[in-house]
């Protein structure tokens, strides 16, 4: 299982607590340090936005990405999903600028964008949502759950 751009590891900790083996990656050295002692988690500091893709050639049975978008690597993220693997991806979308950060279009999904990227990668959509949410704070969000058949 991969928690990509894991931040403080909220999802990695949950998944490891359920007995899954989790690879947690982020560029934040301090966040990674805090995760290195957590049983079931292998935490690694990686630059996910550099020229070279540090996870090239790896596959995972599950990938979780939240509150992170780097468009140049979306196809690479989806290519790491193993057959039968599940993707859960949720982040901000256009319209979020009315509620705060992120507000740059570079970090906001276009309507239906996760759906389009998933279809192009040949993964099957299980669920898709987009639009306004009030929880945990007002925001415009987009989310997909998909599986690679």
N, C-alpha and C. Protein backbone atom coordinates (compact mmCIF):
# COMPACT_ATOMS: atom_id res chain seq x y z
N UNK A 1 0.85 -1.17 0.00
CA UNK A 1 0.00 0.00 0.00
C UNK A 1 0.89 1.23 0.00
N UNK A 2 0.52 2.23 -0.80
CA UNK A 2 1.28 3.46 -0.89
C UNK A 2 0.43 4.64 -0.43
N UNK A 3 0.98 5.44 0.48
CA UNK A 3 0.40 6.71 0.86
C UNK A 3 1.31 7.77 0.25
N UNK A 4 0.88 8.33 -0.88
CA UNK A 4 1.69 9.26 -1.66
C UNK A 4 1.48 10.69 -1.17
N UNK A 5 2.59 11.40 -0.96
CA UNK A 5 2.53 12.75 -0.39
C UNK A 5 1.80 12.68 0.94
N UNK A 6 2.30 11.82 1.81
CA UNK A 6 1.60 11.41 3.03
C UNK A 6 1.48 12.47 4.10
N UNK A 7 2.29 13.53 4.02
CA UNK A 7 2.23 14.54 5.07
C UNK A 7 2.55 13.92 6.42
N UNK A 8 1.72 14.17 7.40
CA UNK A 8 1.94 13.63 8.75
C UNK A 8 1.55 12.17 8.88
N UNK A 9 1.04 11.57 7.82
CA UNK A 9 0.79 10.14 7.82
C UNK A 9 -0.53 9.69 8.38
N UNK A 10 -1.51 10.55 8.35
CA UNK A 10 -2.84 10.19 8.89
C UNK A 10 -3.36 8.90 8.26
N UNK A 11 -3.29 8.80 6.94
CA UNK A 11 -3.80 7.61 6.26
C UNK A 11 -2.85 6.43 6.42
N UNK A 12 -1.56 6.68 6.37
CA UNK A 12 -0.58 5.60 6.56
C UNK A 12 -0.76 4.96 7.94
N UNK A 13 -0.96 5.76 8.95
CA UNK A 13 -1.15 5.23 10.31
C UNK A 13 -2.42 4.39 10.40
N UNK A 14 -3.49 4.90 9.80
CA UNK A 14 -4.76 4.15 9.80
C UNK A 14 -4.59 2.81 9.11
N UNK A 15 -3.98 2.81 7.94
CA UNK A 15 -3.81 1.57 7.17
C UNK A 15 -2.89 0.59 7.89
N UNK A 16 -1.80 1.09 8.45
CA UNK A 16 -0.89 0.23 9.20
C UNK A 16 -1.59 -0.34 10.43
N UNK A 17 -2.44 0.46 11.05
CA UNK A 17 -3.21 -0.01 12.20
C UNK A 17 -4.18 -1.12 11.85
N UNK A 18 -4.56 -1.19 10.58
CA UNK A 18 -5.44 -2.26 10.09
C UNK A 18 -4.65 -3.50 9.67
N UNK A 19 -3.32 -3.43 9.85
CA UNK A 19 -2.49 -4.58 9.53
C UNK A 19 -1.87 -4.57 8.14
N UNK A 20 -2.03 -3.49 7.40
CA UNK A 20 -1.44 -3.40 6.07
C UNK A 20 0.00 -2.89 6.16
N UNK A 21 0.81 -3.32 5.22
CA UNK A 21 2.17 -2.80 5.10
C UNK A 21 2.11 -1.58 4.20
N UNK A 22 2.61 -0.44 4.70
CA UNK A 22 2.43 0.83 4.01
C UNK A 22 3.77 1.47 3.70
N UNK A 23 3.91 1.90 2.45
CA UNK A 23 5.02 2.76 2.05
C UNK A 23 4.48 4.18 2.09
N UNK A 24 5.07 5.01 2.93
CA UNK A 24 4.64 6.40 3.06
C UNK A 24 5.75 7.29 2.51
N UNK A 25 5.42 8.13 1.54
CA UNK A 25 6.43 9.00 0.94
C UNK A 25 5.97 10.45 0.96
N UNK A 26 6.93 11.34 1.20
CA UNK A 26 6.67 12.77 1.20
C UNK A 26 8.01 13.48 1.10
N UNK A 27 8.00 14.73 0.69
CA UNK A 27 9.25 15.49 0.63
C UNK A 27 9.60 16.12 1.96
N UNK A 28 8.65 16.17 2.89
CA UNK A 28 8.85 16.80 4.20
C UNK A 28 9.64 15.87 5.12
N UNK A 29 10.88 16.21 5.36
CA UNK A 29 11.78 15.38 6.16
C UNK A 29 11.25 15.18 7.58
N UNK A 30 10.75 16.24 8.20
CA UNK A 30 10.25 16.15 9.58
C UNK A 30 9.05 15.19 9.67
N UNK A 31 8.16 15.26 8.72
CA UNK A 31 7.00 14.36 8.72
C UNK A 31 7.44 12.92 8.58
N UNK A 32 8.38 12.68 7.69
CA UNK A 32 8.89 11.32 7.47
C UNK A 32 9.57 10.79 8.72
N UNK A 33 10.35 11.63 9.39
CA UNK A 33 11.02 11.20 10.63
C UNK A 33 10.01 10.69 11.66
N UNK A 34 8.89 11.37 11.80
CA UNK A 34 7.88 10.98 12.78
C UNK A 34 7.22 9.64 12.44
N UNK A 35 7.26 9.25 11.18
CA UNK A 35 6.61 8.00 10.76
C UNK A 35 7.56 6.80 10.80
N UNK A 36 8.85 7.05 10.84
CA UNK A 36 9.80 5.95 10.70
C UNK A 36 9.74 4.92 11.83
N UNK A 37 9.24 5.31 12.98
CA UNK A 37 9.16 4.36 14.10
C UNK A 37 7.79 3.68 14.20
N UNK A 38 6.88 4.00 13.29
CA UNK A 38 5.54 3.42 13.36
C UNK A 38 5.55 2.02 12.74
N UNK A 39 5.16 1.00 13.51
CA UNK A 39 5.14 -0.37 12.97
C UNK A 39 4.24 -0.47 11.73
N UNK A 40 4.74 -1.16 10.72
CA UNK A 40 3.97 -1.39 9.50
C UNK A 40 4.17 -0.32 8.45
N UNK A 41 4.92 0.74 8.78
CA UNK A 41 5.14 1.83 7.83
C UNK A 41 6.62 1.93 7.49
N UNK A 42 6.90 1.97 6.20
CA UNK A 42 8.23 2.31 5.71
C UNK A 42 8.11 3.72 5.16
N UNK A 43 8.73 4.67 5.85
CA UNK A 43 8.62 6.08 5.48
C UNK A 43 9.89 6.53 4.77
N UNK A 44 9.69 7.20 3.63
CA UNK A 44 10.82 7.62 2.81
C UNK A 44 10.61 9.05 2.33
N UNK A 45 11.65 9.86 2.48
CA UNK A 45 11.62 11.21 1.95
C UNK A 45 11.97 11.15 0.48
N UNK A 46 11.06 11.64 -0.37
CA UNK A 46 11.27 11.64 -1.82
C UNK A 46 10.77 12.95 -2.41
N UNK A 47 11.44 13.40 -3.47
CA UNK A 47 10.98 14.54 -4.24
C UNK A 47 10.07 14.00 -5.33
N UNK A 48 8.78 14.19 -5.18
CA UNK A 48 7.80 13.67 -6.13
C UNK A 48 7.60 14.59 -7.33
N UNK A 49 8.23 15.74 -7.29
CA UNK A 49 8.03 16.72 -8.36
C UNK A 49 9.30 16.99 -9.15
N UNK A 50 10.32 16.17 -8.94
CA UNK A 50 11.56 16.33 -9.68
C UNK A 50 11.47 15.77 -11.08
N UNK A 51 12.55 15.93 -11.80
CA UNK A 51 12.59 15.46 -13.18
C UNK A 51 12.49 13.94 -13.27
N UNK A 52 13.14 13.25 -12.35
CA UNK A 52 13.10 11.78 -12.34
C UNK A 52 12.00 11.32 -11.38
N UNK A 53 11.26 10.31 -11.80
CA UNK A 53 10.18 9.75 -10.96
C UNK A 53 10.80 8.73 -10.02
N UNK A 54 10.86 9.01 -8.72
CA UNK A 54 11.57 8.14 -7.78
C UNK A 54 10.88 6.80 -7.52
N UNK A 55 9.65 6.64 -7.95
CA UNK A 55 8.92 5.39 -7.73
C UNK A 55 8.78 4.56 -9.00
N UNK A 56 9.54 4.92 -10.03
CA UNK A 56 9.45 4.23 -11.32
C UNK A 56 9.67 2.73 -11.15
N UNK A 57 8.81 1.95 -11.80
CA UNK A 57 8.93 0.50 -11.78
C UNK A 57 8.29 -0.19 -10.59
N UNK A 58 7.81 0.56 -9.61
CA UNK A 58 7.18 -0.04 -8.44
C UNK A 58 5.68 -0.18 -8.67
N UNK A 59 5.09 -1.19 -8.06
CA UNK A 59 3.64 -1.36 -8.10
C UNK A 59 3.12 -1.55 -6.68
N UNK A 60 1.85 -1.19 -6.51
CA UNK A 60 1.23 -1.26 -5.20
C UNK A 60 -0.19 -1.79 -5.34
N UNK A 61 -0.63 -2.54 -4.34
CA UNK A 61 -1.99 -3.08 -4.32
C UNK A 61 -3.02 -2.03 -3.96
N UNK A 62 -2.55 -0.94 -3.41
CA UNK A 62 -3.43 0.18 -3.08
C UNK A 62 -2.62 1.46 -3.07
N UNK A 63 -3.23 2.54 -3.52
CA UNK A 63 -2.61 3.85 -3.51
C UNK A 63 -3.61 4.85 -2.97
N UNK A 64 -3.16 5.64 -1.99
CA UNK A 64 -3.99 6.70 -1.41
C UNK A 64 -3.26 8.02 -1.63
N UNK A 65 -3.99 8.98 -2.17
CA UNK A 65 -3.46 10.33 -2.36
C UNK A 65 -4.54 11.31 -1.91
N UNK A 66 -4.21 12.19 -0.97
CA UNK A 66 -5.17 13.21 -0.55
C UNK A 66 -4.46 14.55 -0.45
N UNK A 67 -5.19 15.58 -0.82
CA UNK A 67 -4.71 16.96 -0.71
C UNK A 67 -3.39 17.19 -1.42
N UNK A 68 -3.21 16.56 -2.57
CA UNK A 68 -1.98 16.70 -3.34
C UNK A 68 -2.29 16.55 -4.82
N UNK A 69 -1.68 17.43 -5.62
CA UNK A 69 -1.82 17.34 -7.06
C UNK A 69 -0.54 17.83 -7.72
N UNK A 70 0.06 16.96 -8.51
CA UNK A 70 1.16 17.32 -9.39
C UNK A 70 0.85 16.66 -10.72
N UNK A 71 0.17 17.40 -11.59
CA UNK A 71 -0.35 16.86 -12.85
C UNK A 71 0.66 16.09 -13.69
N UNK A 72 1.91 16.56 -13.79
CA UNK A 72 2.85 15.82 -14.64
C UNK A 72 3.03 14.36 -14.24
N UNK A 73 2.71 14.02 -12.99
CA UNK A 73 2.93 12.65 -12.50
C UNK A 73 1.64 11.84 -12.35
N UNK A 74 0.49 12.40 -12.67
CA UNK A 74 -0.75 11.62 -12.55
C UNK A 74 -0.69 10.30 -13.32
N UNK A 75 -0.23 10.29 -14.58
CA UNK A 75 -0.13 8.99 -15.28
C UNK A 75 0.83 8.03 -14.59
N UNK A 76 1.93 8.55 -14.02
CA UNK A 76 2.88 7.69 -13.32
C UNK A 76 2.26 7.07 -12.07
N UNK A 77 1.48 7.85 -11.36
CA UNK A 77 0.81 7.34 -10.16
C UNK A 77 -0.12 6.19 -10.54
N UNK A 78 -0.91 6.39 -11.57
CA UNK A 78 -1.84 5.35 -11.99
C UNK A 78 -1.13 4.12 -12.54
N UNK A 79 0.02 4.30 -13.15
CA UNK A 79 0.75 3.16 -13.69
C UNK A 79 1.30 2.25 -12.60
N UNK A 80 1.39 2.75 -11.37
CA UNK A 80 1.90 1.94 -10.25
C UNK A 80 0.84 1.03 -9.64
N UNK A 81 -0.39 1.17 -10.06
CA UNK A 81 -1.47 0.37 -9.50
C UNK A 81 -1.42 -1.04 -10.05
N UNK A 82 -1.23 -2.01 -9.17
CA UNK A 82 -1.12 -3.42 -9.57
C UNK A 82 -2.48 -3.94 -10.02
N UNK A 83 -2.51 -5.03 -10.80
CA UNK A 83 -3.78 -5.65 -11.15
C UNK A 83 -4.57 -5.99 -9.88
N UNK A 84 -5.83 -5.60 -9.87
CA UNK A 84 -6.66 -5.79 -8.68
C UNK A 84 -6.48 -4.71 -7.64
N UNK A 85 -5.54 -3.80 -7.89
CA UNK A 85 -5.25 -2.74 -6.94
C UNK A 85 -6.30 -1.64 -6.93
N UNK A 86 -6.39 -0.95 -5.80
CA UNK A 86 -7.39 0.09 -5.60
C UNK A 86 -6.71 1.45 -5.43
N UNK A 87 -7.25 2.43 -6.11
CA UNK A 87 -6.80 3.82 -5.99
C UNK A 87 -7.86 4.63 -5.28
N UNK A 88 -7.44 5.40 -4.30
CA UNK A 88 -8.30 6.38 -3.65
C UNK A 88 -7.56 7.71 -3.76
N UNK A 89 -8.16 8.64 -4.49
CA UNK A 89 -7.51 9.93 -4.74
C UNK A 89 -8.53 11.03 -4.47
N UNK A 90 -8.18 11.98 -3.61
CA UNK A 90 -9.08 13.09 -3.29
C UNK A 90 -8.25 14.35 -3.09
N UNK A 91 -8.64 15.41 -3.78
CA UNK A 91 -7.97 16.69 -3.59
C UNK A 91 -8.89 17.83 -4.02
N UNK A 92 -8.34 19.01 -4.04
CA UNK A 92 -9.12 20.21 -4.31
C UNK A 92 -9.37 20.40 -5.80
N UNK A 93 -10.43 21.12 -6.12
CA UNK A 93 -10.77 21.37 -7.51
C UNK A 93 -11.09 22.85 -7.73
N UNK A 94 -11.22 23.20 -9.00
CA UNK A 94 -11.58 24.57 -9.39
C UNK A 94 -12.79 25.01 -8.57
N UNK A 95 -12.73 26.22 -8.10
CA UNK A 95 -13.78 26.76 -7.22
C UNK A 95 -13.30 26.87 -5.80
N UNK A 96 -12.23 26.13 -5.46
CA UNK A 96 -11.72 26.17 -4.09
C UNK A 96 -11.14 27.52 -3.74
N UNK A 97 -10.74 28.29 -4.74
CA UNK A 97 -10.16 29.61 -4.48
C UNK A 97 -11.12 30.50 -3.69
N UNK A 98 -12.41 30.23 -3.74
CA UNK A 98 -13.39 30.99 -2.97
C UNK A 98 -13.34 30.67 -1.49
N UNK A 99 -12.68 29.55 -1.14
CA UNK A 99 -12.67 29.09 0.26
C UNK A 99 -11.29 29.13 0.89
N UNK A 100 -10.26 29.42 0.11
CA UNK A 100 -8.91 29.47 0.66
C UNK A 100 -7.92 28.73 -0.22
N UNK A 101 -6.87 28.23 0.38
CA UNK A 101 -5.80 27.56 -0.35
C UNK A 101 -6.08 26.07 -0.45
N UNK A 102 -5.62 25.42 -1.51
CA UNK A 102 -4.93 26.04 -2.63
C UNK A 102 -5.90 26.83 -3.50
N UNK A 103 -5.35 27.87 -4.14
CA UNK A 103 -6.17 28.71 -4.99
C UNK A 103 -5.61 28.83 -6.40
N UNK A 104 -4.40 28.35 -6.61
CA UNK A 104 -3.80 28.40 -7.93
C UNK A 104 -4.39 27.31 -8.82
N UNK A 105 -4.77 27.63 -10.05
CA UNK A 105 -5.28 26.60 -10.96
C UNK A 105 -4.32 25.44 -11.18
N UNK A 106 -3.04 25.67 -10.95
CA UNK A 106 -2.04 24.60 -11.10
C UNK A 106 -2.27 23.48 -10.10
N UNK A 107 -2.92 23.79 -8.99
CA UNK A 107 -3.13 22.80 -7.93
C UNK A 107 -4.60 22.50 -7.70
N UNK A 108 -5.43 22.84 -8.67
CA UNK A 108 -6.87 22.58 -8.57
C UNK A 108 -7.30 21.75 -9.78
N UNK A 109 -7.97 20.64 -9.50
CA UNK A 109 -8.47 19.79 -10.58
C UNK A 109 -9.58 20.50 -11.36
N UNK A 110 -9.62 20.21 -12.64
CA UNK A 110 -10.72 20.67 -13.47
C UNK A 110 -11.91 19.72 -13.26
N UNK A 111 -13.14 20.16 -13.53
CA UNK A 111 -14.29 19.26 -13.39
C UNK A 111 -14.06 17.96 -14.17
N UNK A 112 -14.26 16.85 -13.48
CA UNK A 112 -14.14 15.53 -14.11
C UNK A 112 -12.72 15.08 -14.40
N UNK A 113 -11.73 15.81 -13.98
CA UNK A 113 -10.35 15.49 -14.36
C UNK A 113 -9.86 14.14 -13.84
N UNK A 114 -10.12 13.82 -12.59
CA UNK A 114 -9.69 12.51 -12.07
C UNK A 114 -10.36 11.37 -12.84
N UNK A 115 -11.59 11.55 -13.16
CA UNK A 115 -12.32 10.54 -13.95
C UNK A 115 -11.66 10.34 -15.31
N UNK A 116 -11.32 11.43 -15.97
CA UNK A 116 -10.67 11.36 -17.29
C UNK A 116 -9.31 10.68 -17.22
N UNK A 117 -8.53 11.02 -16.22
CA UNK A 117 -7.20 10.44 -16.07
C UNK A 117 -7.30 8.95 -15.78
N UNK A 118 -8.24 8.58 -14.94
CA UNK A 118 -8.43 7.16 -14.62
C UNK A 118 -8.85 6.37 -15.85
N UNK A 119 -9.77 6.91 -16.62
CA UNK A 119 -10.21 6.23 -17.84
C UNK A 119 -9.06 6.06 -18.82
N UNK A 120 -8.25 7.11 -18.97
CA UNK A 120 -7.11 7.05 -19.89
C UNK A 120 -6.09 6.00 -19.44
N UNK A 121 -6.01 5.76 -18.14
CA UNK A 121 -5.06 4.78 -17.61
C UNK A 121 -5.64 3.36 -17.59
N UNK A 122 -6.90 3.22 -17.97
CA UNK A 122 -7.51 1.90 -18.03
C UNK A 122 -7.91 1.33 -16.68
N UNK A 123 -8.18 2.21 -15.72
CA UNK A 123 -8.68 1.71 -14.44
C UNK A 123 -10.19 1.94 -14.39
N UNK A 124 -10.86 1.08 -13.69
CA UNK A 124 -12.33 1.10 -13.62
C UNK A 124 -12.80 1.90 -12.42
N UNK A 125 -13.65 2.87 -12.68
CA UNK A 125 -14.19 3.71 -11.62
C UNK A 125 -15.18 2.93 -10.77
N UNK A 126 -15.01 3.06 -9.47
CA UNK A 126 -15.95 2.48 -8.50
C UNK A 126 -16.88 3.59 -7.99
N UNK A 127 -16.28 4.74 -7.68
CA UNK A 127 -17.07 5.88 -7.19
C UNK A 127 -16.35 7.16 -7.57
N UNK A 128 -17.13 8.22 -7.80
CA UNK A 128 -16.58 9.52 -8.16
C UNK A 128 -17.47 10.59 -7.55
N UNK A 129 -16.84 11.59 -6.95
CA UNK A 129 -17.59 12.73 -6.40
C UNK A 129 -16.83 14.00 -6.68
N UNK A 130 -17.58 15.07 -6.88
CA UNK A 130 -16.93 16.38 -6.98
C UNK A 130 -17.93 17.44 -6.57
N UNK A 131 -17.37 18.53 -6.06
CA UNK A 131 -18.22 19.65 -5.68
C UNK A 131 -17.92 20.15 -4.29
N UNK A 132 -18.85 20.91 -3.78
CA UNK A 132 -18.71 21.56 -2.48
C UNK A 132 -18.82 20.56 -1.33
N UNK A 133 -17.99 20.77 -0.33
CA UNK A 133 -18.11 20.04 0.93
C UNK A 133 -17.94 21.03 2.07
N UNK A 134 -18.64 20.80 3.15
CA UNK A 134 -18.52 21.68 4.32
C UNK A 134 -17.60 21.09 5.39
N UNK A 135 -17.21 19.82 5.20
CA UNK A 135 -16.44 19.14 6.24
C UNK A 135 -15.16 18.54 5.66
N UNK A 136 -14.03 18.66 6.27
CA UNK A 136 -13.81 19.25 7.59
C UNK A 136 -13.83 20.77 7.59
N UNK A 137 -13.74 21.38 6.40
CA UNK A 137 -13.92 22.83 6.26
C UNK A 137 -14.48 23.07 4.87
N UNK A 138 -15.13 24.20 4.66
CA UNK A 138 -15.69 24.47 3.33
C UNK A 138 -14.60 24.41 2.25
N UNK A 139 -14.90 23.69 1.18
CA UNK A 139 -13.94 23.51 0.09
C UNK A 139 -14.65 22.92 -1.12
N UNK A 140 -13.99 23.04 -2.25
CA UNK A 140 -14.41 22.35 -3.47
C UNK A 140 -13.44 21.19 -3.66
N UNK A 141 -13.99 19.96 -3.73
CA UNK A 141 -13.15 18.77 -3.75
C UNK A 141 -13.59 17.84 -4.88
N UNK A 142 -12.68 16.96 -5.23
CA UNK A 142 -12.96 15.92 -6.23
C UNK A 142 -12.31 14.64 -5.71
N UNK A 143 -12.99 13.53 -5.87
CA UNK A 143 -12.47 12.26 -5.37
C UNK A 143 -12.87 11.12 -6.30
N UNK A 144 -11.99 10.14 -6.37
CA UNK A 144 -12.29 8.93 -7.13
C UNK A 144 -11.77 7.72 -6.36
N UNK A 145 -12.52 6.65 -6.47
CA UNK A 145 -12.07 5.33 -6.06
C UNK A 145 -12.14 4.48 -7.32
N UNK A 146 -11.03 3.84 -7.65
CA UNK A 146 -10.97 3.06 -8.90
C UNK A 146 -10.15 1.80 -8.68
N UNK A 147 -10.34 0.81 -9.55
CA UNK A 147 -9.61 -0.45 -9.44
C UNK A 147 -9.03 -0.79 -10.81
N UNK A 148 -7.86 -1.41 -10.77
CA UNK A 148 -7.26 -1.91 -12.01
C UNK A 148 -7.66 -3.37 -12.15
N UNK A 149 -8.45 -3.66 -13.17
CA UNK A 149 -8.90 -5.04 -13.42
C UNK A 149 -7.78 -5.91 -13.94
